[in-house]
Amino acid sequence: MFPYNRLNEIFDYVSQNDIVSVNRLSSLLNITDRTIRSDIQTINEIIKENGAQLKLKRKAGYYIEINDQEKYNTFLSSIKQTKSNNRELDTSQDRIKYLLNLLLYSDEYITLDDLADNIYVSRNTLQNYIKTLKNIFSKYNLEYISKNNAGVKVIGNEDDKRKCLVENVLSFNFQNYVTGFTKDEYTLFEGIDLDLLKQIILIKESSNKN
């Protein structure tokens, strides 16, 4: 895989098409021609050791040239495996939940690039998710803070944060808690004591009924 998601997007798009113009890439990813050239150079530093290279045809665009099919196939398999390992983030709902969890549990600023890379999307796609996140946070008196050269974070009362997490991330039918969380849920929320949280929720539910 590549060090950040935009490189994955460029590689995927070029490798799946006969030839892709610079203007097309620039429009798709909302970046400059200069950034595209820099990204292509980074991609080539990685894939040249794996049997391929992205080349530029004058007045046409970029295309992929395969020099060693066996190495290239192995490289593609490794990419496929990595994507498979991250299948829990296949849907927009999964990504929103992941971002909510990440922001609600972080005391530090997180850059937009890091957020995008964590859920394997472009900065443009991330902006759409952020609109949804802001709407959610506002319902719980939580403030989404953006700081230049630092990133973003969410501030607010810890009880409000927990309520937001429970109602939007761990949005399960309480009857299903008897069987516990799935393997994917434990993986997605690694670092959070889901079983303890489950017990707290069940106690509160029991108290509300009484």
C-alpha atoms as a PDB file:
ATOM      1  CA  MET A   1       0.000   0.000   0.000  1.00  0.00           C
ATOM      2  CA  PHE A   2       0.919   3.661  -0.266  1.00  0.00           C
ATOM      3  CA  PRO A   3       1.642   6.014   2.644  1.00  0.00           C
ATOM      4  CA  TYR A   4      -1.557   8.038   2.205  1.00  0.00           C
ATOM      5  CA  ASN A   5      -4.902   7.511   0.541  1.00  0.00           C
ATOM      6  CA  ARG A   6      -4.610  10.011  -2.331  1.00  0.00           C
ATOM      7  CA  LEU A   7      -1.804   7.910  -3.793  1.00  0.00           C
ATOM      8  CA  ASN A   8      -4.074   4.859  -3.674  1.00  0.00           C
ATOM      9  CA  GLU A   9      -6.746   6.771  -5.562  1.00  0.00           C
ATOM     10  CA  ILE A  10      -4.341   7.941  -8.279  1.00  0.00           C
ATOM     11  CA  PHE A  11      -2.838   4.483  -8.690  1.00  0.00           C
ATOM     12  CA  ASP A  12      -6.248   2.772  -8.798  1.00  0.00           C
ATOM     13  CA  TYR A  13      -7.630   5.203 -11.361  1.00  0.00           C
ATOM     14  CA  VAL A  14      -4.637   5.078 -13.709  1.00  0.00           C
ATOM     15  CA  SER A  15      -4.173   1.314 -13.435  1.00  0.00           C
ATOM     16  CA  GLN A  16      -7.852   0.684 -14.232  1.00  0.00           C
ATOM     17  CA  ASN A  17      -7.884   2.887 -17.347  1.00  0.00           C
ATOM     18  CA  ASP A  18      -5.878   2.869 -20.547  1.00  0.00           C
ATOM     19  CA  ILE A  19      -4.756   6.458 -20.098  1.00  0.00           C
ATOM     20  CA  VAL A  20      -5.806   9.289 -17.770  1.00  0.00           C
ATOM     21  CA  SER A  21      -5.211  12.972 -18.457  1.00  0.00           C
ATOM     22  CA  VAL A  22      -3.650  15.263 -15.869  1.00  0.00           C
ATOM     23  CA  ASN A  23      -6.732  17.468 -16.023  1.00  0.00           C
ATOM     24  CA  ARG A  24      -8.935  14.484 -15.208  1.00  0.00           C
ATOM     25  CA  LEU A  25      -6.870  13.583 -12.157  1.00  0.00           C
ATOM     26  CA  SER A  26      -6.738  17.212 -11.069  1.00  0.00           C
ATOM     27  CA  SER A  27     -10.527  17.492 -11.319  1.00  0.00           C
ATOM     28  CA  LEU A  28     -11.221  14.195  -9.558  1.00  0.00           C
ATOM     29  CA  LEU A  29      -8.967  14.883  -6.589  1.00  0.00           C
ATOM     30  CA  ASN A  30      -9.171  18.678  -6.512  1.00  0.00           C
ATOM     31  CA  ILE A  31      -5.404  19.101  -6.499  1.00  0.00           C
ATOM     32  CA  THR A  32      -2.936  20.988  -8.708  1.00  0.00           C
ATOM     33  CA  ASP A  33      -0.954  19.575 -11.622  1.00  0.00           C
ATOM     34  CA  ARG A  34       2.189  20.080  -9.571  1.00  0.00           C
ATOM     35  CA  THR A  35       0.798  17.943  -6.732  1.00  0.00           C
ATOM     36  CA  ILE A  36      -0.153  15.237  -9.225  1.00  0.00           C
ATOM     37  CA  ARG A  37       3.380  15.134 -10.596  1.00  0.00           C
ATOM     38  CA  SER A  38       4.770  14.916  -7.066  1.00  0.00           C
ATOM     39  CA  ASP A  39       2.331  12.126  -6.177  1.00  0.00           C
ATOM     40  CA  ILE A  40       3.139  10.203  -9.348  1.00  0.00           C
ATOM     41  CA  GLN A  41       6.827  10.384  -8.471  1.00  0.00           C
ATOM     42  CA  THR A  42       6.088   8.974  -4.993  1.00  0.00           C
ATOM     43  CA  ILE A  43       3.959   6.201  -6.481  1.00  0.00           C
ATOM     44  CA  ASN A  44       6.699   5.274  -8.933  1.00  0.00           C
ATOM     45  CA  GLU A  45       9.270   5.041  -6.148  1.00  0.00           C
ATOM     46  CA  ILE A  46       7.091   2.314  -4.668  1.00  0.00           C
ATOM     47  CA  ILE A  47       5.843   0.417  -7.695  1.00  0.00           C
ATOM     48  CA  LYS A  48       9.116   0.397  -9.642  1.00  0.00           C
ATOM     49  CA  GLU A  49      10.291  -2.231  -7.146  1.00  0.00           C
ATOM     50  CA  ASN A  50       7.092  -4.146  -7.843  1.00  0.00           C
ATOM     51  CA  GLY A  51       7.286  -4.555 -11.596  1.00  0.00           C
ATOM     52  CA  ALA A  52       5.491  -1.465 -12.882  1.00  0.00           C
ATOM     53  CA  GLN A  53       5.721   2.262 -13.529  1.00  0.00           C
ATOM     54  CA  LEU A  54       3.343   5.140 -14.259  1.00  0.00           C
ATOM     55  CA  LYS A  55       4.435   6.981 -17.380  1.00  0.00           C
ATOM     56  CA  LEU A  56       3.297  10.195 -19.031  1.00  0.00           C
ATOM     57  CA  LYS A  57       2.376  10.319 -22.710  1.00  0.00           C
ATOM     58  CA  ARG A  58       2.691  13.881 -23.973  1.00  0.00           C
ATOM     59  CA  LYS A  59      -0.660  15.613 -24.599  1.00  0.00           C
ATOM     60  CA  ALA A  60      -2.513  12.470 -23.502  1.00  0.00           C
ATOM     61  CA  GLY A  61      -1.926  11.556 -19.889  1.00  0.00           C
ATOM     62  CA  TYR A  62      -0.636   8.896 -17.537  1.00  0.00           C
ATOM     63  CA  TYR A  63      -0.692   5.167 -18.144  1.00  0.00           C
ATOM     64  CA  ILE A  64       0.778   2.130 -16.415  1.00  0.00           C
ATOM     65  CA  GLU A  65       3.617   0.096 -17.902  1.00  0.00           C
ATOM     66  CA  ILE A  66       4.173  -3.380 -16.447  1.00  0.00           C
ATOM     67  CA  ASN A  67       7.733  -4.645 -16.587  1.00  0.00           C
ATOM     68  CA  ASP A  68       7.447  -7.730 -14.393  1.00  0.00           C
ATOM     69  CA  GLN A  69       3.981  -9.283 -14.377  1.00  0.00           C
ATOM     70  CA  GLU A  70       4.750 -11.683 -11.537  1.00  0.00           C
ATOM     71  CA  LYS A  71       6.020  -8.964  -9.193  1.00  0.00           C
ATOM     72  CA  TYR A  72       3.133  -6.715 -10.179  1.00  0.00           C
ATOM     73  CA  ASN A  73       0.548  -9.426  -9.477  1.00  0.00           C
ATOM     74  CA  THR A  74       2.081 -10.005  -6.042  1.00  0.00           C
ATOM     75  CA  PHE A  75       1.901  -6.264  -5.371  1.00  0.00           C
ATOM     76  CA  LEU A  76      -1.762  -6.130  -6.405  1.00  0.00           C
ATOM     77  CA  SER A  77      -2.509  -9.084  -4.140  1.00  0.00           C
ATOM     78  CA  SER A  78      -0.950  -7.292  -1.171  1.00  0.00           C
ATOM     79  CA  ILE A  79      -3.107  -4.223  -1.881  1.00  0.00           C
ATOM     80  CA  LYS A  80      -6.213  -6.380  -2.156  1.00  0.00           C
ATOM     81  CA  GLN A  81      -5.409  -8.091   1.137  1.00  0.00           C
ATOM     82  CA  THR A  82      -4.925  -4.772   2.923  1.00  0.00           C
ATOM     83  CA  LYS A  83      -8.242  -3.488   1.616  1.00  0.00           C
ATOM     84  CA  SER A  84      -9.895  -6.729   2.683  1.00  0.00           C
ATOM     85  CA  ASN A  85      -8.528  -6.274   6.200  1.00  0.00           C
ATOM     86  CA  ASN A  86     -10.243  -2.897   6.294  1.00  0.00           C
ATOM     87  CA  ARG A  87     -13.605  -4.089   4.994  1.00  0.00           C
ATOM     88  CA  GLU A  88     -15.344  -2.884   8.176  1.00  0.00           C
ATOM     89  CA  LEU A  89     -15.056   0.629   6.685  1.00  0.00           C
ATOM     90  CA  ASP A  90     -16.770  -0.244   3.422  1.00  0.00           C
ATOM     91  CA  THR A  91     -19.891   1.878   3.982  1.00  0.00           C
ATOM     92  CA  SER A  92     -20.407   5.567   4.701  1.00  0.00           C
ATOM     93  CA  GLN A  93     -22.160   4.642   7.934  1.00  0.00           C
ATOM     94  CA  ASP A  94     -19.123   2.647   9.085  1.00  0.00           C
ATOM     95  CA  ARG A  95     -16.813   5.547   8.279  1.00  0.00           C
ATOM     96  CA  ILE A  96     -19.002   8.047  10.123  1.00  0.00           C
ATOM     97  CA  LYS A  97     -19.009   5.768  13.183  1.00  0.00           C
ATOM     98  CA  TYR A  98     -15.254   5.357  13.004  1.00  0.00           C
ATOM     99  CA  LEU A  99     -14.698   9.124  12.781  1.00  0.00           C
ATOM    100  CA  LEU A 100     -17.088   9.752  15.659  1.00  0.00           C
ATOM    101  CA  ASN A 101     -15.221   7.250  17.787  1.00  0.00           C
ATOM    102  CA  LEU A 102     -11.845   8.722  16.810  1.00  0.00           C
ATOM    103  CA  LEU A 103     -12.811  12.326  17.548  1.00  0.00           C
ATOM    104  CA  LEU A 104     -14.786  11.654  20.719  1.00  0.00           C
ATOM    105  CA  TYR A 105     -11.884   9.763  22.304  1.00  0.00           C
ATOM    106  CA  SER A 106      -9.074  12.080  21.248  1.00  0.00           C
ATOM    107  CA  ASP A 107      -7.825  14.906  23.464  1.00  0.00           C
ATOM    108  CA  GLU A 108      -5.419  16.066  20.775  1.00  0.00           C
ATOM    109  CA  TYR A 109      -5.926  17.754  17.429  1.00  0.00           C
ATOM    110  CA  ILE A 110      -6.081  15.390  14.451  1.00  0.00           C
ATOM    111  CA  THR A 111      -5.200  16.608  10.963  1.00  0.00           C
ATOM    112  CA  LEU A 112      -7.699  16.225   8.147  1.00  0.00           C
ATOM    113  CA  ASP A 113      -5.137  14.227   6.192  1.00  0.00           C
ATOM    114  CA  ASP A 114      -4.857  11.763   9.073  1.00  0.00           C
ATOM    115  CA  LEU A 115      -8.646  11.466   9.310  1.00  0.00           C
ATOM    116  CA  ALA A 116      -8.913  10.843   5.568  1.00  0.00           C
ATOM    117  CA  ASP A 117      -6.147   8.248   5.637  1.00  0.00           C
ATOM    118  CA  ASN A 118      -7.747   6.462   8.600  1.00  0.00           C
ATOM    119  CA  ILE A 119     -10.936   5.804   6.629  1.00  0.00           C
ATOM    120  CA  TYR A 120      -9.287   5.491   3.189  1.00  0.00           C
ATOM    121  CA  VAL A 121     -11.045   8.399   1.466  1.00  0.00           C
ATOM    122  CA  SER A 122      -9.979  11.629  -0.224  1.00  0.00           C
ATOM    123  CA  ARG A 123     -10.056  15.023   1.467  1.00  0.00           C
ATOM    124  CA  ASN A 124     -13.087  15.960  -0.658  1.00  0.00           C
ATOM    125  CA  THR A 125     -15.052  12.933   0.511  1.00  0.00           C
ATOM    126  CA  LEU A 126     -13.995  13.607   4.098  1.00  0.00           C
ATOM    127  CA  GLN A 127     -15.485  17.106   3.917  1.00  0.00           C
ATOM    128  CA  ASN A 128     -18.884  15.574   3.202  1.00  0.00           C
ATOM    129  CA  TYR A 129     -18.540  13.356   6.266  1.00  0.00           C
ATOM    130  CA  ILE A 130     -17.521  16.328   8.394  1.00  0.00           C
ATOM    131  CA  LYS A 131     -20.805  18.099   7.562  1.00  0.00           C
ATOM    132  CA  THR A 132     -22.649  15.078   8.944  1.00  0.00           C
ATOM    133  CA  LEU A 133     -20.397  14.966  12.013  1.00  0.00           C
ATOM    134  CA  LYS A 134     -20.991  18.644  12.801  1.00  0.00           C
ATOM    135  CA  ASN A 135     -24.765  18.104  12.686  1.00  0.00           C
ATOM    136  CA  ILE A 136     -24.438  15.162  15.075  1.00  0.00           C
ATOM    137  CA  PHE A 137     -22.145  16.988  17.510  1.00  0.00           C
ATOM    138  CA  SER A 138     -24.451  20.014  17.668  1.00  0.00           C
ATOM    139  CA  LYS A 139     -27.270  17.821  19.039  1.00  0.00           C
ATOM    140  CA  TYR A 140     -25.130  16.918  22.061  1.00  0.00           C
ATOM    141  CA  ASN A 141     -23.733  20.376  22.895  1.00  0.00           C
ATOM    142  CA  LEU A 142     -20.366  19.281  21.516  1.00  0.00           C
ATOM    143  CA  GLU A 143     -18.181  21.747  19.637  1.00  0.00           C
ATOM    144  CA  TYR A 144     -16.185  20.833  16.541  1.00  0.00           C
ATOM    145  CA  ILE A 145     -12.996  22.920  16.611  1.00  0.00           C
ATOM    146  CA  SER A 146     -10.744  23.483  13.603  1.00  0.00           C
ATOM    147  CA  LYS A 147      -7.312  25.045  14.068  1.00  0.00           C
ATOM    148  CA  ASN A 148      -4.917  26.006  11.295  1.00  0.00           C
ATOM    149  CA  ASN A 149      -1.730  23.913  11.166  1.00  0.00           C
ATOM    150  CA  ALA A 150      -3.042  21.715  13.983  1.00  0.00           C
ATOM    151  CA  GLY A 151      -6.179  19.932  12.830  1.00  0.00           C
ATOM    152  CA  VAL A 152      -9.556  19.333  14.398  1.00  0.00           C
ATOM    153  CA  LYS A 153     -10.915  18.119  17.720  1.00  0.00           C
ATOM    154  CA  VAL A 154     -14.198  17.895  19.611  1.00  0.00           C
ATOM    155  CA  ILE A 155     -14.674  19.524  22.988  1.00  0.00           C
ATOM    156  CA  GLY A 156     -17.525  19.232  25.462  1.00  0.00           C
ATOM    157  CA  ASN A 157     -18.831  17.520  28.558  1.00  0.00           C
ATOM    158  CA  GLU A 158     -17.698  13.904  28.954  1.00  0.00           C
ATOM    159  CA  ASP A 159     -21.262  12.742  29.635  1.00  0.00           C
ATOM    160  CA  ASP A 160     -22.377  14.373  26.391  1.00  0.00           C
ATOM    161  CA  LYS A 161     -19.549  12.632  24.557  1.00  0.00           C
ATOM    162  CA  ARG A 162     -20.554   9.245  25.973  1.00  0.00           C
ATOM    163  CA  LYS A 163     -24.186   9.845  25.080  1.00  0.00           C
ATOM    164  CA  CYS A 164     -23.187  10.761  21.522  1.00  0.00           C
ATOM    165  CA  LEU A 165     -21.071   7.612  21.292  1.00  0.00           C
ATOM    166  CA  VAL A 166     -23.796   5.322  22.611  1.00  0.00           C
ATOM    167  CA  GLU A 167     -26.585   6.751  20.456  1.00  0.00           C
ATOM    168  CA  ASN A 168     -24.641   7.096  17.214  1.00  0.00           C
ATOM    169  CA  VAL A 169     -21.818   4.579  17.277  1.00  0.00           C
ATOM    170  CA  LEU A 170     -23.085   1.789  19.493  1.00  0.00           C
ATOM    171  CA  SER A 171     -26.612   2.078  18.158  1.00  0.00           C
ATOM    172  CA  PHE A 172     -27.880  -1.419  18.922  1.00  0.00           C
ATOM    173  CA  ASN A 173     -31.167  -2.873  20.007  1.00  0.00           C
ATOM    174  CA  PHE A 174     -30.684  -3.397  23.748  1.00  0.00           C
ATOM    175  CA  GLN A 175     -32.160  -6.894  23.498  1.00  0.00           C
ATOM    176  CA  ASN A 176     -29.161  -7.846  21.361  1.00  0.00           C
ATOM    177  CA  TYR A 177     -26.694  -7.032  24.123  1.00  0.00           C
ATOM    178  CA  VAL A 178     -27.358 -10.466  25.611  1.00  0.00           C
ATOM    179  CA  THR A 179     -25.284 -11.996  22.826  1.00  0.00           C
ATOM    180  CA  GLY A 180     -22.562  -9.340  23.094  1.00  0.00           C
ATOM    181  CA  PHE A 181     -20.634  -7.506  20.419  1.00  0.00           C
ATOM    182  CA  THR A 182     -19.439  -8.989  17.155  1.00  0.00           C
ATOM    183  CA  LYS A 183     -15.805  -9.604  16.235  1.00  0.00           C
ATOM    184  CA  ASP A 184     -15.908  -6.705  13.764  1.00  0.00           C
ATOM    185  CA  GLU A 185     -17.209  -4.367  16.478  1.00  0.00           C
ATOM    186  CA  TYR A 186     -14.371  -5.304  18.814  1.00  0.00           C
ATOM    187  CA  THR A 187     -11.922  -4.685  15.961  1.00  0.00           C
ATOM    188  CA  LEU A 188     -13.493  -1.375  14.948  1.00  0.00           C
ATOM    189  CA  PHE A 189     -13.459  -0.027  18.509  1.00  0.00           C
ATOM    190  CA  GLU A 190     -10.153  -1.455  19.646  1.00  0.00           C
ATOM    191  CA  GLY A 191      -9.020   0.241  22.823  1.00  0.00           C
ATOM    192  CA  ILE A 192     -12.550   0.766  24.173  1.00  0.00           C
ATOM    193  CA  ASP A 193     -13.879  -1.525  26.891  1.00  0.00           C
ATOM    194  CA  LEU A 194     -17.116  -2.403  25.089  1.00  0.00           C
ATOM    195  CA  ASP A 195     -18.114  -4.973  27.711  1.00  0.00           C
ATOM    196  CA  LEU A 196     -17.868  -2.396  30.502  1.00  0.00           C
ATOM    197  CA  LEU A 197     -19.829   0.080  28.419  1.00  0.00           C
ATOM    198  CA  LYS A 198     -22.445  -2.595  27.793  1.00  0.00           C
ATOM    199  CA  GLN A 199     -22.842  -3.176  31.529  1.00  0.00           C
ATOM    200  CA  ILE A 200     -23.271   0.561  32.163  1.00  0.00           C
ATOM    201  CA  ILE A 201     -25.943   0.788  29.469  1.00  0.00           C
ATOM    202  CA  LEU A 202     -27.819  -2.224  30.806  1.00  0.00           C
ATOM    203  CA  ILE A 203     -27.763  -0.820  34.340  1.00  0.00           C
ATOM    204  CA  LYS A 204     -29.148   2.492  33.108  1.00  0.00           C
ATOM    205  CA  GLU A 205     -31.816   0.736  31.075  1.00  0.00           C
ATOM    206  CA  SER A 206     -32.819  -1.307  34.118  1.00  0.00           C
ATOM    207  CA  SER A 207     -32.996   1.837  36.253  1.00  0.00           C
ATOM    208  CA  ASN A 208     -35.159   3.599  33.690  1.00  0.00           C
ATOM    209  CA  LYS A 209     -37.619   0.701  33.626  1.00  0.00           C
ATOM    210  CA  ASN A 210     -37.881   0.769  37.434  1.00  0.00           C
END
